[in-house]
C-alpha atoms as a PDB file:
ATOM      1  CA  MET A   1       0.000   0.000   0.000  1.00  0.00           C
ATOM      2  CA  VAL A   2       2.795   2.416   0.921  1.00  0.00           C
ATOM      3  CA  THR A   3       4.539   1.774  -2.415  1.00  0.00           C
ATOM      4  CA  PHE A   4       1.295   2.396  -4.285  1.00  0.00           C
ATOM      5  CA  PHE A   5       0.745   5.742  -2.544  1.00  0.00           C
ATOM      6  CA  GLN A   6       4.281   6.915  -3.232  1.00  0.00           C
ATOM      7  CA  ASN A   7       3.356   7.308  -6.892  1.00  0.00           C
ATOM      8  CA  PHE A   8       0.980  10.190  -6.133  1.00  0.00           C
ATOM      9  CA  ASN A   9       1.464  13.731  -4.851  1.00  0.00           C
ATOM     10  CA  PRO A  10       0.366  14.420  -1.242  1.00  0.00           C
ATOM     11  CA  ILE A  11      -2.877  16.143  -2.217  1.00  0.00           C
ATOM     12  CA  THR A  12      -3.956  13.198  -4.360  1.00  0.00           C
ATOM     13  CA  GLN A  13      -2.881  10.842  -1.584  1.00  0.00           C
ATOM     14  CA  ALA A  14      -5.116  12.700   0.870  1.00  0.00           C
ATOM     15  CA  PHE A  15      -8.051  12.524  -1.530  1.00  0.00           C
ATOM     16  CA  ILE A  16      -7.645   8.789  -2.101  1.00  0.00           C
ATOM     17  CA  ALA A  17      -7.234   8.112   1.624  1.00  0.00           C
ATOM     18  CA  THR A  18     -10.429   9.952   2.494  1.00  0.00           C
ATOM     19  CA  LEU A  19     -12.323   8.103  -0.226  1.00  0.00           C
ATOM     20  CA  PHE A  20     -11.543   5.094   1.961  1.00  0.00           C
ATOM     21  CA  THR A  21     -12.795   6.828   5.127  1.00  0.00           C
ATOM     22  CA  TRP A  22     -15.942   7.903   3.290  1.00  0.00           C
ATOM     23  CA  GLY A  23     -16.363   4.322   2.110  1.00  0.00           C
ATOM     24  CA  MET A  24     -16.220   3.095   5.712  1.00  0.00           C
ATOM     25  CA  THR A  25     -19.015   5.500   6.603  1.00  0.00           C
ATOM     26  CA  ALA A  26     -21.026   4.062   3.717  1.00  0.00           C
ATOM     27  CA  LEU A  27     -20.245   0.532   4.896  1.00  0.00           C
ATOM     28  CA  GLY A  28     -21.651   1.345   8.317  1.00  0.00           C
ATOM     29  CA  ALA A  29     -24.757   2.807   6.695  1.00  0.00           C
ATOM     30  CA  THR A  30     -25.438  -0.476   4.855  1.00  0.00           C
ATOM     31  CA  ILE A  31     -26.604  -1.961   8.166  1.00  0.00           C
ATOM     32  CA  VAL A  32     -30.036  -0.502   7.403  1.00  0.00           C
ATOM     33  CA  PHE A  33     -30.501  -3.098   4.662  1.00  0.00           C
ATOM     34  CA  ALA A  34     -30.232  -5.878   7.258  1.00  0.00           C
ATOM     35  CA  THR A  35     -32.338  -4.544  10.126  1.00  0.00           C
ATOM     36  CA  LYS A  36     -34.559  -1.663  11.202  1.00  0.00           C
ATOM     37  CA  THR A  37     -33.109  -1.491  14.707  1.00  0.00           C
ATOM     38  CA  ILE A  38     -29.731  -2.135  16.291  1.00  0.00           C
ATOM     39  CA  ASN A  39     -28.854  -3.221  19.793  1.00  0.00           C
ATOM     40  CA  GLN A  40     -28.242  -0.088  21.859  1.00  0.00           C
ATOM     41  CA  ARG A  41     -25.385  -1.681  23.793  1.00  0.00           C
ATOM     42  CA  LEU A  42     -23.630  -2.526  20.534  1.00  0.00           C
ATOM     43  CA  LEU A  43     -24.111   0.981  19.163  1.00  0.00           C
ATOM     44  CA  ASP A  44     -22.857   2.587  22.379  1.00  0.00           C
ATOM     45  CA  SER A  45     -19.790   0.350  22.421  1.00  0.00           C
ATOM     46  CA  MET A  46     -19.020   1.268  18.804  1.00  0.00           C
ATOM     47  CA  LEU A  47     -19.351   4.972  19.581  1.00  0.00           C
ATOM     48  CA  GLY A  48     -17.074   4.583  22.607  1.00  0.00           C
ATOM     49  CA  PHE A  49     -14.557   2.729  20.457  1.00  0.00           C
ATOM     50  CA  ALA A  50     -14.695   5.539  17.875  1.00  0.00           C
ATOM     51  CA  GLY A  51     -14.015   8.097  20.600  1.00  0.00           C
ATOM     52  CA  GLY A  52     -10.937   6.191  21.752  1.00  0.00           C
ATOM     53  CA  VAL A  53      -9.552   6.031  18.220  1.00  0.00           C
ATOM     54  CA  MET A  54     -10.043   9.772  17.765  1.00  0.00           C
ATOM     55  CA  ILE A  55      -8.371  10.654  21.071  1.00  0.00           C
ATOM     56  CA  ALA A  56      -5.326   8.489  20.329  1.00  0.00           C
ATOM     57  CA  ALA A  57      -5.063   9.804  16.772  1.00  0.00           C
ATOM     58  CA  SER A  58      -5.225  13.372  18.049  1.00  0.00           C
ATOM     59  CA  TYR A  59      -2.027  12.911  20.008  1.00  0.00           C
ATOM     60  CA  TRP A  60       0.119  10.371  18.172  1.00  0.00           C
ATOM     61  CA  SER A  61      -0.739  11.477  14.640  1.00  0.00           C
ATOM     62  CA  LEU A  62      -1.254  15.206  15.164  1.00  0.00           C
ATOM     63  CA  LEU A  63      -0.152  16.842  18.423  1.00  0.00           C
ATOM     64  CA  GLY A  64       3.019  14.764  18.851  1.00  0.00           C
ATOM     65  CA  PRO A  65       4.402  15.608  15.394  1.00  0.00           C
ATOM     66  CA  ALA A  66       3.365  19.265  15.847  1.00  0.00           C
ATOM     67  CA  ILE A  67       5.429  19.515  19.038  1.00  0.00           C
ATOM     68  CA  GLU A  68       8.435  17.874  17.365  1.00  0.00           C
ATOM     69  CA  MET A  69       8.240  20.283  14.438  1.00  0.00           C
ATOM     70  CA  SER A  70       8.230  23.248  16.837  1.00  0.00           C
ATOM     71  CA  GLU A  71      11.406  22.306  18.708  1.00  0.00           C
ATOM     72  CA  TYR A  72      13.144  25.578  17.838  1.00  0.00           C
ATOM     73  CA  HIS A  73      10.130  27.886  18.045  1.00  0.00           C
ATOM     74  CA  ALA A  74      11.004  31.300  19.506  1.00  0.00           C
ATOM     75  CA  ILE A  75       8.356  31.104  22.249  1.00  0.00           C
ATOM     76  CA  GLY A  76       8.606  27.391  22.912  1.00  0.00           C
ATOM     77  CA  ALA A  77       7.772  24.037  21.361  1.00  0.00           C
ATOM     78  CA  TRP A  78       4.462  24.079  23.213  1.00  0.00           C
ATOM     79  CA  PHE A  79       3.144  27.279  21.618  1.00  0.00           C
ATOM     80  CA  PRO A  80       2.034  26.074  18.137  1.00  0.00           C
ATOM     81  CA  ALA A  81       0.491  22.939  19.612  1.00  0.00           C
ATOM     82  CA  ALA A  82      -1.335  24.781  22.397  1.00  0.00           C
ATOM     83  CA  SER A  83      -2.613  27.657  20.272  1.00  0.00           C
ATOM     84  CA  GLY A  84      -3.571  25.488  17.309  1.00  0.00           C
ATOM     85  CA  PHE A  85      -5.340  22.989  19.583  1.00  0.00           C
ATOM     86  CA  LEU A  86      -7.443  25.680  21.264  1.00  0.00           C
ATOM     87  CA  LEU A  87      -8.278  27.327  17.935  1.00  0.00           C
ATOM     88  CA  GLY A  88      -9.502  23.990  16.599  1.00  0.00           C
ATOM     89  CA  GLY A  89     -11.880  23.603  19.521  1.00  0.00           C
ATOM     90  CA  ILE A  90     -13.078  27.200  19.239  1.00  0.00           C
ATOM     91  CA  PHE A  91     -13.688  26.734  15.506  1.00  0.00           C
ATOM     92  CA  LEU A  92     -15.896  23.660  16.052  1.00  0.00           C
ATOM     93  CA  TRP A  93     -17.694  25.389  18.909  1.00  0.00           C
ATOM     94  CA  GLY A  94     -18.473  28.324  16.631  1.00  0.00           C
ATOM     95  CA  ILE A  95     -19.665  26.094  13.798  1.00  0.00           C
ATOM     96  CA  ASP A  96     -21.856  24.205  16.274  1.00  0.00           C
ATOM     97  CA  LYS A  97     -23.554  27.482  17.175  1.00  0.00           C
ATOM     98  CA  ILE A  98     -24.238  28.375  13.554  1.00  0.00           C
ATOM     99  CA  ILE A  99     -25.128  25.219  11.611  1.00  0.00           C
ATOM    100  CA  PRO A 100     -28.436  23.665  12.690  1.00  0.00           C
ATOM    101  CA  HIS A 101     -28.002  20.032  13.753  1.00  0.00           C
ATOM    102  CA  LEU A 102     -29.324  17.345  16.078  1.00  0.00           C
ATOM    103  CA  HIS A 103     -27.285  14.631  17.757  1.00  0.00           C
ATOM    104  CA  PRO A 104     -28.529  11.021  17.514  1.00  0.00           C
ATOM    105  CA  ASN A 105     -30.882   9.863  20.322  1.00  0.00           C
ATOM    106  CA  THR A 106     -31.637  13.509  21.174  1.00  0.00           C
ATOM    107  CA  PRO A 107     -35.145  15.031  21.226  1.00  0.00           C
ATOM    108  CA  LEU A 108     -35.868  17.673  18.631  1.00  0.00           C
ATOM    109  CA  ARG A 109     -36.220  20.394  21.274  1.00  0.00           C
ATOM    110  CA  GLU A 110     -32.490  20.030  22.008  1.00  0.00           C
ATOM    111  CA  ALA A 111     -31.400  20.737  18.417  1.00  0.00           C
ATOM    112  CA  GLU A 112     -28.531  23.221  18.149  1.00  0.00           C
ATOM    113  CA  GLY A 113     -27.512  25.963  15.729  1.00  0.00           C
ATOM    114  CA  LEU A 114     -29.498  28.732  14.082  1.00  0.00           C
ATOM    115  CA  TYR A 115     -33.225  28.149  13.499  1.00  0.00           C
ATOM    116  CA  PRO A 116     -33.089  24.340  13.894  1.00  0.00           C
ATOM    117  CA  LYS A 117     -36.863  23.931  14.313  1.00  0.00           C
ATOM    118  CA  GLU A 118     -37.395  25.096  10.742  1.00  0.00           C
ATOM    119  CA  ARG A 119     -35.732  21.921   9.407  1.00  0.00           C
ATOM    120  CA  LYS A 120     -36.653  18.264   9.368  1.00  0.00           C
ATOM    121  CA  ARG A 121     -35.283  15.960  12.050  1.00  0.00           C
ATOM    122  CA  SER A 122     -33.629  13.792   9.384  1.00  0.00           C
ATOM    123  CA  THR A 123     -31.805  16.804   7.954  1.00  0.00           C
ATOM    124  CA  LEU A 124     -30.587  17.842  11.396  1.00  0.00           C
ATOM    125  CA  LEU A 125     -29.256  14.338  12.132  1.00  0.00           C
ATOM    126  CA  VAL A 126     -27.280  14.215   8.894  1.00  0.00           C
ATOM    127  CA  LEU A 127     -25.899  17.719   9.440  1.00  0.00           C
ATOM    128  CA  ALA A 128     -24.642  16.726  12.909  1.00  0.00           C
ATOM    129  CA  ILE A 129     -22.419  13.904  11.658  1.00  0.00           C
ATOM    130  CA  THR A 130     -21.451  15.810   8.509  1.00  0.00           C
ATOM    131  CA  LEU A 131     -20.314  18.740  10.640  1.00  0.00           C
ATOM    132  CA  HIS A 132     -18.223  16.510  12.862  1.00  0.00           C
ATOM    133  CA  ASN A 133     -16.600  14.760   9.895  1.00  0.00           C
ATOM    134  CA  ILE A 134     -14.907  18.014   8.867  1.00  0.00           C
ATOM    135  CA  PRO A 135     -12.034  17.795  11.397  1.00  0.00           C
ATOM    136  CA  GLU A 136     -11.485  14.142  10.501  1.00  0.00           C
ATOM    137  CA  GLY A 137     -11.047  15.026   6.837  1.00  0.00           C
ATOM    138  CA  LEU A 138      -8.819  17.962   7.743  1.00  0.00           C
ATOM    139  CA  ALA A 139      -6.669  15.747   9.956  1.00  0.00           C
ATOM    140  CA  VAL A 140      -6.015  13.233   7.179  1.00  0.00           C
ATOM    141  CA  GLY A 141      -5.420  15.963   4.609  1.00  0.00           C
ATOM    142  CA  ILE A 142      -2.970  17.829   6.818  1.00  0.00           C
ATOM    143  CA  ALA A 143      -1.089  14.617   7.618  1.00  0.00           C
ATOM    144  CA  PHE A 144      -0.561  13.941   3.916  1.00  0.00           C
ATOM    145  CA  GLY A 145       0.099  17.596   3.105  1.00  0.00           C
ATOM    146  CA  ALA A 146       2.954  17.546   5.616  1.00  0.00           C
ATOM    147  CA  LEU A 147       4.762  15.089   3.346  1.00  0.00           C
ATOM    148  CA  ALA A 148       5.174  17.775   0.694  1.00  0.00           C
ATOM    149  CA  ASN A 149       7.568  19.635   2.992  1.00  0.00           C
ATOM    150  CA  GLY A 150       9.794  16.614   3.462  1.00  0.00           C
ATOM    151  CA  GLY A 151       9.946  16.939   7.244  1.00  0.00           C
ATOM    152  CA  THR A 152      11.365  13.984   9.153  1.00  0.00           C
ATOM    153  CA  GLU A 153       8.478  14.214  11.612  1.00  0.00           C
ATOM    154  CA  ALA A 154       6.006  13.439   8.853  1.00  0.00           C
ATOM    155  CA  SER A 155       5.833   9.981   7.318  1.00  0.00           C
ATOM    156  CA  LEU A 156       3.651   8.340   4.713  1.00  0.00           C
ATOM    157  CA  ALA A 157       3.111   5.352   7.003  1.00  0.00           C
ATOM    158  CA  GLY A 158       1.925   7.696   9.759  1.00  0.00           C
ATOM    159  CA  ALA A 159      -0.532   9.437   7.429  1.00  0.00           C
ATOM    160  CA  LEU A 160      -1.859   6.094   6.207  1.00  0.00           C
ATOM    161  CA  THR A 161      -2.245   4.888   9.781  1.00  0.00           C
ATOM    162  CA  LEU A 162      -4.271   7.978  10.624  1.00  0.00           C
ATOM    163  CA  ALA A 163      -6.518   7.391   7.609  1.00  0.00           C
ATOM    164  CA  LEU A 164      -6.960   3.758   8.660  1.00  0.00           C
ATOM    165  CA  GLY A 165      -7.900   4.774  12.205  1.00  0.00           C
ATOM    166  CA  ILE A 166     -10.366   7.401  11.002  1.00  0.00           C
ATOM    167  CA  GLY A 167     -11.849   4.858   8.614  1.00  0.00           C
ATOM    168  CA  ILE A 168     -12.341   2.317  11.404  1.00  0.00           C
ATOM    169  CA  GLN A 169     -14.178   4.789  13.599  1.00  0.00           C
ATOM    170  CA  ASN A 170     -16.294   6.027  10.664  1.00  0.00           C
ATOM    171  CA  PHE A 171     -18.113   2.687  10.541  1.00  0.00           C
ATOM    172  CA  PRO A 172     -20.137   3.318  13.723  1.00  0.00           C
ATOM    173  CA  GLU A 173     -20.771   6.897  12.593  1.00  0.00           C
ATOM    174  CA  GLY A 174     -22.462   5.566   9.458  1.00  0.00           C
ATOM    175  CA  VAL A 175     -24.574   3.316  11.675  1.00  0.00           C
ATOM    176  CA  ALA A 176     -25.361   6.199  14.041  1.00  0.00           C
ATOM    177  CA  VAL A 177     -26.844   8.256  11.193  1.00  0.00           C
ATOM    178  CA  SER A 178     -28.634   5.652   9.093  1.00  0.00           C
ATOM    179  CA  MET A 179     -30.277   3.611  11.860  1.00  0.00           C
ATOM    180  CA  PRO A 180     -32.168   6.507  13.530  1.00  0.00           C
ATOM    181  CA  LEU A 181     -33.436   7.559  10.108  1.00  0.00           C
ATOM    182  CA  ARG A 182     -34.642   4.039   9.408  1.00  0.00           C
ATOM    183  CA  GLY A 183     -36.214   3.849  12.856  1.00  0.00           C
ATOM    184  CA  GLU A 184     -38.258   6.955  12.087  1.00  0.00           C
ATOM    185  CA  GLY A 185     -39.798   5.329   9.031  1.00  0.00           C
ATOM    186  CA  MET A 186     -37.493   6.455   6.242  1.00  0.00           C
ATOM    187  CA  SER A 187     -36.930   3.867   3.516  1.00  0.00           C
ATOM    188  CA  ARG A 188     -33.816   1.692   3.634  1.00  0.00           C
ATOM    189  CA  ARG A 189     -32.475   3.265   0.458  1.00  0.00           C
ATOM    190  CA  LYS A 190     -32.888   6.828   1.695  1.00  0.00           C
ATOM    191  CA  SER A 191     -31.511   5.968   5.126  1.00  0.00           C
ATOM    192  CA  PHE A 192     -28.410   4.508   3.498  1.00  0.00           C
ATOM    193  CA  PHE A 193     -28.029   7.468   1.146  1.00  0.00           C
ATOM    194  CA  TYR A 194     -28.137  10.059   3.908  1.00  0.00           C
ATOM    195  CA  GLY A 195     -25.958   7.911   6.156  1.00  0.00           C
ATOM    196  CA  GLN A 196     -23.145   7.676   3.627  1.00  0.00           C
ATOM    197  CA  PHE A 197     -23.682  11.270   2.535  1.00  0.00           C
ATOM    198  CA  SER A 198     -22.487  12.431   5.954  1.00  0.00           C
ATOM    199  CA  GLY A 199     -18.985  11.177   5.093  1.00  0.00           C
ATOM    200  CA  MET A 200     -18.796  12.980   1.756  1.00  0.00           C
ATOM    201  CA  VAL A 201     -17.346  16.090   3.385  1.00  0.00           C
ATOM    202  CA  GLU A 202     -14.138  14.267   4.370  1.00  0.00           C
ATOM    203  CA  PRO A 203     -12.471  14.161   0.901  1.00  0.00           C
ATOM    204  CA  ILE A 204     -13.332  17.847   0.431  1.00  0.00           C
ATOM    205  CA  ALA A 205     -11.884  18.848   3.811  1.00  0.00           C
ATOM    206  CA  ALA A 206      -8.831  16.641   3.198  1.00  0.00           C
ATOM    207  CA  VAL A 207      -7.962  18.322  -0.099  1.00  0.00           C
ATOM    208  CA  ILE A 208      -8.322  21.773   1.488  1.00  0.00           C
ATOM    209  CA  GLY A 209      -6.110  20.791   4.428  1.00  0.00           C
ATOM    210  CA  ALA A 210      -3.459  19.099   2.293  1.00  0.00           C
ATOM    211  CA  PHE A 211      -3.307  21.973  -0.197  1.00  0.00           C
ATOM    212  CA  THR A 212      -2.952  24.572   2.543  1.00  0.00           C
ATOM    213  CA  VAL A 213      -0.070  23.006   4.462  1.00  0.00           C
ATOM    214  CA  ALA A 214       1.693  21.715   1.364  1.00  0.00           C
ATOM    215  CA  PHE A 215       2.340  25.271   0.191  1.00  0.00           C
ATOM    216  CA  ILE A 216       2.490  27.189   3.484  1.00  0.00           C
ATOM    217  CA  GLU A 217       5.039  25.263   5.540  1.00  0.00           C
ATOM    218  CA  PRO A 218       5.067  27.538   8.654  1.00  0.00           C
ATOM    219  CA  LEU A 219       1.392  26.713   9.209  1.00  0.00           C
ATOM    220  CA  LEU A 220       2.034  22.981   9.501  1.00  0.00           C
ATOM    221  CA  PRO A 221       2.373  22.536  13.301  1.00  0.00           C
ATOM    222  CA  TYR A 222      -0.539  24.916  13.867  1.00  0.00           C
ATOM    223  CA  ALA A 223      -2.658  23.032  11.326  1.00  0.00           C
ATOM    224  CA  LEU A 224      -1.880  19.641  12.861  1.00  0.00           C
ATOM    225  CA  SER A 225      -2.813  20.944  16.312  1.00  0.00           C
ATOM    226  CA  PHE A 226      -5.914  22.663  14.945  1.00  0.00           C
ATOM    227  CA  ALA A 227      -7.182  19.352  13.573  1.00  0.00           C
ATOM    228  CA  ALA A 228      -6.420  17.658  16.900  1.00  0.00           C
ATOM    229  CA  GLY A 229      -8.325  20.296  18.858  1.00  0.00           C
ATOM    230  CA  ALA A 230     -11.320  20.031  16.540  1.00  0.00           C
ATOM    231  CA  MET A 231     -11.366  16.248  16.889  1.00  0.00           C
ATOM    232  CA  ILE A 232     -11.137  16.338  20.681  1.00  0.00           C
ATOM    233  CA  PHE A 233     -14.000  18.846  20.770  1.00  0.00           C
ATOM    234  CA  VAL A 234     -16.124  16.404  18.759  1.00  0.00           C
ATOM    235  CA  VAL A 235     -15.250  13.545  21.110  1.00  0.00           C
ATOM    236  CA  ALA A 236     -16.002  15.536  24.260  1.00  0.00           C
ATOM    237  CA  GLU A 237     -19.110  17.298  22.968  1.00  0.00           C
ATOM    238  CA  GLU A 238     -20.743  14.512  20.962  1.00  0.00           C
ATOM    239  CA  VAL A 239     -19.159  11.053  20.835  1.00  0.00           C
ATOM    240  CA  ILE A 240     -18.693  10.317  24.553  1.00  0.00           C
ATOM    241  CA  PRO A 241     -22.050  11.808  25.691  1.00  0.00           C
ATOM    242  CA  SER A 242     -23.912   9.922  22.927  1.00  0.00           C
ATOM    243  CA  SER A 243     -22.266   6.645  23.920  1.00  0.00           C
ATOM    244  CA  GLN A 244     -23.283   6.998  27.575  1.00  0.00           C
ATOM    245  CA  GLU A 245     -26.689   8.668  27.592  1.00  0.00           C
ATOM    246  CA  LYS A 246     -28.571   5.333  27.392  1.00  0.00           C
ATOM    247  CA  GLY A 247     -26.999   4.015  30.575  1.00  0.00           C
ATOM    248  CA  ASN A 248     -24.165   1.919  29.101  1.00  0.00           C
ATOM    249  CA  LYS A 249     -21.426   3.997  30.693  1.00  0.00           C
ATOM    250  CA  ASP A 250     -19.070   1.186  31.709  1.00  0.00           C
ATOM    251  CA  LEU A 251     -19.344  -0.577  28.364  1.00  0.00           C
ATOM    252  CA  ALA A 252     -18.801   2.655  26.435  1.00  0.00           C
ATOM    253  CA  SER A 253     -15.830   3.612  28.627  1.00  0.00           C
ATOM    254  CA  MET A 254     -14.114   0.252  28.196  1.00  0.00           C
ATOM    255  CA  SER A 255     -14.768   0.359  24.465  1.00  0.00           C
ATOM    256  CA  LEU A 256     -13.168   3.799  24.377  1.00  0.00           C
ATOM    257  CA  MET A 257     -10.072   2.396  26.039  1.00  0.00           C
ATOM    258  CA  VAL A 258      -9.905  -0.458  23.521  1.00  0.00           C
ATOM    259  CA  GLY A 259     -10.189   2.005  20.641  1.00  0.00           C
ATOM    260  CA  PHE A 260      -7.482   4.193  22.161  1.00  0.00           C
ATOM    261  CA  VAL A 261      -5.095   1.257  22.608  1.00  0.00           C
ATOM    262  CA  LEU A 262      -5.722  -0.068  19.093  1.00  0.00           C
ATOM    263  CA  MET A 263      -5.007   3.309  17.499  1.00  0.00           C
ATOM    264  CA  MET A 264      -1.924   3.758  19.688  1.00  0.00           C
ATOM    265  CA  ILE A 265      -0.607   0.345  18.613  1.00  0.00           C
ATOM    266  CA  LEU A 266      -1.277   1.066  14.939  1.00  0.00           C
ATOM    267  CA  ASP A 267       0.425   4.454  15.084  1.00  0.00           C
ATOM    268  CA  VAL A 268       3.488   3.300  17.032  1.00  0.00           C
ATOM    269  CA  ALA A 269       3.950  -0.029  15.256  1.00  0.00           C
ATOM    270  CA  LEU A 270       3.355   1.146  11.681  1.00  0.00           C
ATOM    271  CA  ASP A 271       4.977   4.585  11.765  1.00  0.00           C
END
């Protein structure tokens, strides 16, 4: 796989990698063709697992390299990572306040964003996952874009590992969108379409992220940290609460730890 990817430029690599992550979202959405409901314990464990993968990826694939790249920064190696991380969280917080959306398993009265009650519940559900897929696409794109600068801290294997981890955790996200839609009476075909549609934003965000850092090298550590901050905001604000609100706190927490360890092993062993 690594040899195959070496034949493409970093921006194309990012696009291809996020086609895979989008495909994993679509694969999760295909569950609607098999059943109308899914065991809540299974769904909560998958969401917890996804949260663990995202937390581990945020450090080993994004924050860690950002700190290494900033070793000789005038203020300190911590500055790009700290500022970029906080900006990423602030950015997602701001987007959350603007774009109308509704988290899975949440009553319509708790929809967020501007004028949410003027939109259908199905639209709000899709917008929630689509919104939170943006930092995942950015993270993969930035990881591949870093390769264009030839830095020793950036590696193709590391970028591929990040894409693999994001792809793994996208499976339950596809389930989390499509199954509620099916449960509300939407046809299997439409539930699948909207479920996979939520992952379509990742290739777009990846190309933007890769293009930006590939040509503006000083932004790289800030961009890596920005993506990490945005991902952690998603985990804290959406993934962990959604995995525990039905009472399966211990199961979701242990699943999170398994996801974290798996992503850590992948990143350390394959990088």
